[in-house]
Amino acid sequence: MAAKTRTEIIDDIEDCVGRNGGNFGEWYVGFTASPKIKLFNGHKLKDKGDAWISRLAKDEVEAHEVAEFFRTTRRTKGPGGQPGDNDLYVYAYKMKSHTKP
């Protein structure tokens, strides 16, 4: 997967949210080094039926900036804080009763 720009990642996530309900307050946006592990093991998404997206950023700083944009501007849920080394992926998912959080 090739790295995308900050704007491309924001556009992709906004498109995904729009196709899957459109209410940003029902979404969680974060950053990680391993999106599938984080989504399916950490946040407990199901293989089928849950809406999610992940995108590779140029670096940890851009991944953090994208997540912060969604948390502060679009009012999604998210971790805040600083990314760790290799937290190059931005991910988003629609929260449901079985997901954490």
N, C-alpha and C. Protein backbone atom coordinates (compact mmCIF):
# COMPACT_ATOMS: atom_id res chain seq x y z
N MET A 1 0.85 -1.18 0.00
CA MET A 1 0.00 0.00 0.00
C MET A 1 0.90 1.24 0.00
N ALA A 2 0.70 2.11 -0.95
CA ALA A 2 1.48 3.34 -1.06
C ALA A 2 0.95 4.38 -0.07
N ALA A 3 1.86 5.17 0.47
CA ALA A 3 1.47 6.23 1.39
C ALA A 3 0.63 7.28 0.67
N LYS A 4 -0.34 7.81 1.38
CA LYS A 4 -1.21 8.86 0.83
C LYS A 4 -0.94 10.17 1.57
N THR A 5 -1.33 11.26 0.94
CA THR A 5 -1.18 12.56 1.57
C THR A 5 -2.25 12.75 2.64
N ARG A 6 -2.04 13.74 3.48
CA ARG A 6 -3.01 14.08 4.53
C ARG A 6 -4.39 14.32 3.92
N THR A 7 -4.44 15.11 2.86
CA THR A 7 -5.72 15.43 2.21
C THR A 7 -6.38 14.19 1.62
N GLU A 8 -5.60 13.32 0.99
CA GLU A 8 -6.17 12.09 0.42
C GLU A 8 -6.76 11.20 1.50
N ILE A 9 -6.06 11.09 2.63
CA ILE A 9 -6.56 10.25 3.72
C ILE A 9 -7.85 10.83 4.29
N ILE A 10 -7.87 12.14 4.51
CA ILE A 10 -9.08 12.78 5.01
C ILE A 10 -10.25 12.55 4.05
N ASP A 11 -10.00 12.75 2.76
CA ASP A 11 -11.06 12.53 1.76
C ASP A 11 -11.56 11.09 1.77
N ASP A 12 -10.63 10.12 1.85
CA ASP A 12 -11.02 8.71 1.87
C ASP A 12 -11.87 8.38 3.09
N ILE A 13 -11.47 8.89 4.25
CA ILE A 13 -12.23 8.60 5.47
C ILE A 13 -13.60 9.28 5.42
N GLU A 14 -13.64 10.53 4.97
CA GLU A 14 -14.93 11.21 4.86
C GLU A 14 -15.87 10.48 3.90
N ASP A 15 -15.32 9.96 2.81
CA ASP A 15 -16.12 9.19 1.86
C ASP A 15 -16.66 7.92 2.52
N CYS A 16 -15.82 7.23 3.27
CA CYS A 16 -16.23 6.01 3.96
C CYS A 16 -17.33 6.30 4.98
N VAL A 17 -17.17 7.37 5.74
CA VAL A 17 -18.20 7.75 6.71
C VAL A 17 -19.51 8.07 5.99
N GLY A 18 -19.43 8.80 4.91
CA GLY A 18 -20.62 9.15 4.14
C GLY A 18 -21.36 7.94 3.60
N ARG A 19 -20.61 6.92 3.18
CA ARG A 19 -21.23 5.70 2.64
C ARG A 19 -21.81 4.81 3.74
N ASN A 20 -21.41 5.06 5.00
CA ASN A 20 -21.79 4.16 6.09
C ASN A 20 -22.48 4.86 7.25
N GLY A 21 -23.27 5.87 6.95
CA GLY A 21 -24.05 6.48 8.01
C GLY A 21 -23.90 7.97 8.15
N GLY A 22 -22.73 8.50 7.86
CA GLY A 22 -22.56 9.94 7.79
C GLY A 22 -22.47 10.71 9.09
N ASN A 23 -22.69 10.10 10.25
CA ASN A 23 -22.61 10.82 11.51
C ASN A 23 -21.22 10.62 12.12
N PHE A 24 -20.38 11.65 12.06
CA PHE A 24 -19.00 11.53 12.54
C PHE A 24 -18.93 11.18 14.02
N GLY A 25 -19.91 11.56 14.80
CA GLY A 25 -19.91 11.26 16.23
C GLY A 25 -20.00 9.77 16.54
N GLU A 26 -20.38 8.96 15.56
CA GLU A 26 -20.47 7.51 15.74
C GLU A 26 -19.19 6.80 15.30
N TRP A 27 -18.16 7.56 14.96
CA TRP A 27 -16.93 6.99 14.43
C TRP A 27 -15.75 7.22 15.37
N TYR A 28 -14.80 6.30 15.30
CA TYR A 28 -13.54 6.39 16.05
C TYR A 28 -12.43 6.46 15.01
N VAL A 29 -11.52 7.42 15.17
CA VAL A 29 -10.37 7.56 14.26
C VAL A 29 -9.10 7.55 15.10
N GLY A 30 -8.18 6.67 14.74
CA GLY A 30 -6.93 6.56 15.48
C GLY A 30 -5.76 6.31 14.56
N PHE A 31 -4.61 6.02 15.16
CA PHE A 31 -3.39 5.74 14.41
C PHE A 31 -2.67 4.57 15.07
N THR A 32 -1.99 3.79 14.25
CA THR A 32 -1.35 2.57 14.74
C THR A 32 -0.30 2.09 13.74
N ALA A 33 0.53 1.17 14.18
CA ALA A 33 1.48 0.52 13.28
C ALA A 33 0.84 -0.70 12.60
N SER A 34 -0.18 -1.27 13.23
CA SER A 34 -0.81 -2.51 12.74
C SER A 34 -2.33 -2.37 12.74
N PRO A 35 -2.90 -1.83 11.66
CA PRO A 35 -4.34 -1.53 11.68
C PRO A 35 -5.25 -2.74 11.87
N LYS A 36 -4.98 -3.85 11.22
CA LYS A 36 -5.89 -5.00 11.36
C LYS A 36 -5.85 -5.57 12.77
N ILE A 37 -4.67 -5.63 13.37
CA ILE A 37 -4.57 -6.11 14.76
C ILE A 37 -5.31 -5.15 15.68
N LYS A 38 -5.11 -3.86 15.49
CA LYS A 38 -5.77 -2.86 16.33
C LYS A 38 -7.29 -2.92 16.17
N LEU A 39 -7.76 -3.02 14.92
CA LEU A 39 -9.20 -3.03 14.67
C LEU A 39 -9.87 -4.30 15.17
N PHE A 40 -9.32 -5.45 14.83
CA PHE A 40 -10.01 -6.71 15.11
C PHE A 40 -9.69 -7.29 16.49
N ASN A 41 -8.49 -7.08 17.00
CA ASN A 41 -8.15 -7.58 18.33
C ASN A 41 -8.37 -6.51 19.40
N GLY A 42 -7.93 -5.29 19.13
CA GLY A 42 -8.05 -4.22 20.11
C GLY A 42 -9.45 -3.66 20.23
N HIS A 43 -10.05 -3.30 19.10
CA HIS A 43 -11.37 -2.67 19.11
C HIS A 43 -12.51 -3.66 18.92
N LYS A 44 -12.19 -4.91 18.67
CA LYS A 44 -13.17 -6.00 18.59
C LYS A 44 -14.15 -5.90 17.42
N LEU A 45 -13.70 -5.37 16.29
CA LEU A 45 -14.56 -5.37 15.11
C LEU A 45 -14.78 -6.80 14.64
N LYS A 46 -15.90 -7.01 13.97
CA LYS A 46 -16.21 -8.32 13.39
C LYS A 46 -15.75 -8.34 11.94
N ASP A 47 -15.39 -9.53 11.46
CA ASP A 47 -14.92 -9.67 10.08
C ASP A 47 -15.95 -9.21 9.06
N LYS A 48 -17.21 -9.43 9.36
CA LYS A 48 -18.28 -9.06 8.43
C LYS A 48 -19.26 -8.14 9.14
N GLY A 49 -19.68 -7.11 8.42
CA GLY A 49 -20.73 -6.24 8.93
C GLY A 49 -20.28 -4.95 9.58
N ASP A 50 -19.00 -4.81 9.90
CA ASP A 50 -18.52 -3.58 10.51
C ASP A 50 -17.84 -2.70 9.46
N ALA A 51 -18.13 -1.40 9.51
CA ALA A 51 -17.55 -0.44 8.56
C ALA A 51 -16.22 0.07 9.11
N TRP A 52 -15.17 -0.02 8.29
CA TRP A 52 -13.87 0.47 8.71
C TRP A 52 -13.02 0.80 7.49
N ILE A 53 -11.94 1.54 7.74
CA ILE A 53 -11.00 1.93 6.69
C ILE A 53 -9.64 2.15 7.35
N SER A 54 -8.57 1.88 6.61
CA SER A 54 -7.23 2.26 7.07
C SER A 54 -6.44 2.77 5.88
N ARG A 55 -5.56 3.73 6.16
CA ARG A 55 -4.72 4.33 5.12
C ARG A 55 -3.33 4.57 5.67
N LEU A 56 -2.33 4.36 4.82
CA LEU A 56 -0.93 4.57 5.18
C LEU A 56 -0.56 6.03 4.96
N ALA A 57 -0.06 6.67 6.00
CA ALA A 57 0.40 8.06 5.92
C ALA A 57 1.90 8.10 5.61
N LYS A 58 2.40 9.29 5.26
CA LYS A 58 3.83 9.45 4.96
C LYS A 58 4.70 9.22 6.18
N ASP A 59 4.21 9.64 7.35
CA ASP A 59 4.98 9.49 8.58
C ASP A 59 4.03 9.56 9.78
N GLU A 60 4.59 9.35 10.98
CA GLU A 60 3.80 9.35 12.20
C GLU A 60 3.12 10.69 12.44
N VAL A 61 3.82 11.77 12.10
CA VAL A 61 3.27 13.12 12.32
C VAL A 61 2.01 13.32 11.50
N GLU A 62 2.05 12.95 10.22
CA GLU A 62 0.85 13.10 9.38
C GLU A 62 -0.28 12.21 9.85
N ALA A 63 0.03 11.00 10.27
CA ALA A 63 -1.02 10.11 10.79
C ALA A 63 -1.69 10.75 11.99
N HIS A 64 -0.90 11.32 12.88
CA HIS A 64 -1.43 11.99 14.06
C HIS A 64 -2.26 13.21 13.68
N GLU A 65 -1.78 13.99 12.72
CA GLU A 65 -2.51 15.19 12.29
C GLU A 65 -3.88 14.84 11.71
N VAL A 66 -3.95 13.77 10.94
CA VAL A 66 -5.24 13.35 10.37
C VAL A 66 -6.19 12.93 11.49
N ALA A 67 -5.71 12.10 12.42
CA ALA A 67 -6.56 11.66 13.53
C ALA A 67 -7.03 12.86 14.36
N GLU A 68 -6.14 13.81 14.61
CA GLU A 68 -6.50 15.01 15.37
C GLU A 68 -7.53 15.86 14.63
N PHE A 69 -7.39 15.96 13.31
CA PHE A 69 -8.38 16.69 12.51
C PHE A 69 -9.77 16.12 12.74
N PHE A 70 -9.89 14.80 12.67
CA PHE A 70 -11.20 14.19 12.84
C PHE A 70 -11.69 14.33 14.28
N ARG A 71 -10.81 14.20 15.25
CA ARG A 71 -11.21 14.30 16.65
C ARG A 71 -11.66 15.71 17.01
N THR A 72 -10.94 16.72 16.53
CA THR A 72 -11.24 18.10 16.93
C THR A 72 -12.22 18.80 16.00
N THR A 73 -12.13 18.55 14.69
CA THR A 73 -12.97 19.26 13.73
C THR A 73 -14.26 18.51 13.44
N ARG A 74 -14.19 17.22 13.24
CA ARG A 74 -15.37 16.41 12.92
C ARG A 74 -16.00 15.78 14.15
N ARG A 75 -15.33 15.90 15.29
CA ARG A 75 -15.84 15.41 16.58
C ARG A 75 -16.02 13.90 16.63
N THR A 76 -15.10 13.17 15.99
CA THR A 76 -15.10 11.72 16.15
C THR A 76 -14.48 11.39 17.50
N LYS A 77 -14.61 10.15 17.91
CA LYS A 77 -13.89 9.66 19.07
C LYS A 77 -12.47 9.33 18.61
N GLY A 78 -11.55 9.30 19.55
CA GLY A 78 -10.17 8.98 19.20
C GLY A 78 -9.27 9.10 20.40
N PRO A 79 -8.03 8.61 20.26
CA PRO A 79 -7.14 8.50 21.41
C PRO A 79 -6.49 9.80 21.86
N GLY A 80 -6.35 10.79 20.97
CA GLY A 80 -5.53 11.94 21.34
C GLY A 80 -4.10 11.47 21.57
N GLY A 81 -3.30 12.24 22.23
CA GLY A 81 -1.94 11.82 22.54
C GLY A 81 -1.04 11.81 21.33
N GLN A 82 0.18 11.36 21.56
CA GLN A 82 1.19 11.34 20.51
C GLN A 82 1.35 9.94 19.94
N PRO A 83 1.66 9.84 18.65
CA PRO A 83 1.88 8.53 18.05
C PRO A 83 3.21 7.95 18.50
N GLY A 84 3.29 6.63 18.49
CA GLY A 84 4.55 5.96 18.76
C GLY A 84 5.32 5.76 17.46
N ASP A 85 6.53 5.25 17.59
CA ASP A 85 7.31 4.94 16.40
C ASP A 85 6.55 3.96 15.52
N ASN A 86 6.55 4.20 14.25
CA ASN A 86 5.92 3.35 13.25
C ASN A 86 4.40 3.38 13.26
N ASP A 87 3.78 4.31 13.97
CA ASP A 87 2.32 4.47 13.90
C ASP A 87 1.99 5.24 12.62
N LEU A 88 2.13 4.55 11.50
CA LEU A 88 2.01 5.18 10.18
C LEU A 88 0.61 5.08 9.59
N TYR A 89 -0.24 4.27 10.18
CA TYR A 89 -1.58 4.05 9.62
C TYR A 89 -2.62 4.85 10.38
N VAL A 90 -3.52 5.46 9.63
CA VAL A 90 -4.72 6.07 10.19
C VAL A 90 -5.85 5.09 9.93
N TYR A 91 -6.66 4.84 10.95
CA TYR A 91 -7.79 3.94 10.77
C TYR A 91 -9.05 4.59 11.34
N ALA A 92 -10.17 4.16 10.83
CA ALA A 92 -11.46 4.66 11.31
C ALA A 92 -12.46 3.51 11.27
N TYR A 93 -13.36 3.50 12.23
CA TYR A 93 -14.43 2.51 12.21
C TYR A 93 -15.68 3.09 12.85
N LYS A 94 -16.81 2.57 12.42
CA LYS A 94 -18.09 2.97 13.00
C LYS A 94 -18.31 2.17 14.27
N MET A 95 -18.46 2.89 15.38
CA MET A 95 -18.61 2.23 16.67
C MET A 95 -19.99 1.57 16.77
N LYS A 96 -19.99 0.40 17.39
CA LYS A 96 -21.22 -0.35 17.65
C LYS A 96 -21.18 -0.87 19.07
N SER A 97 -22.24 -1.51 19.51
CA SER A 97 -22.31 -1.98 20.90
C SER A 97 -21.23 -3.00 21.23
N HIS A 98 -20.73 -3.74 20.25
CA HIS A 98 -19.72 -4.76 20.52
C HIS A 98 -18.28 -4.26 20.35
N THR A 99 -18.09 -3.03 19.85
CA THR A 99 -16.74 -2.52 19.65
C THR A 99 -16.23 -1.85 20.92
N LYS A 100 -14.92 -1.74 21.03
CA LYS A 100 -14.25 -1.12 22.18
C LYS A 100 -13.42 0.03 21.69
N PRO A 101 -13.62 1.26 22.01
CA PRO A 101 -14.81 1.76 22.67
C PRO A 101 -15.96 1.79 21.71
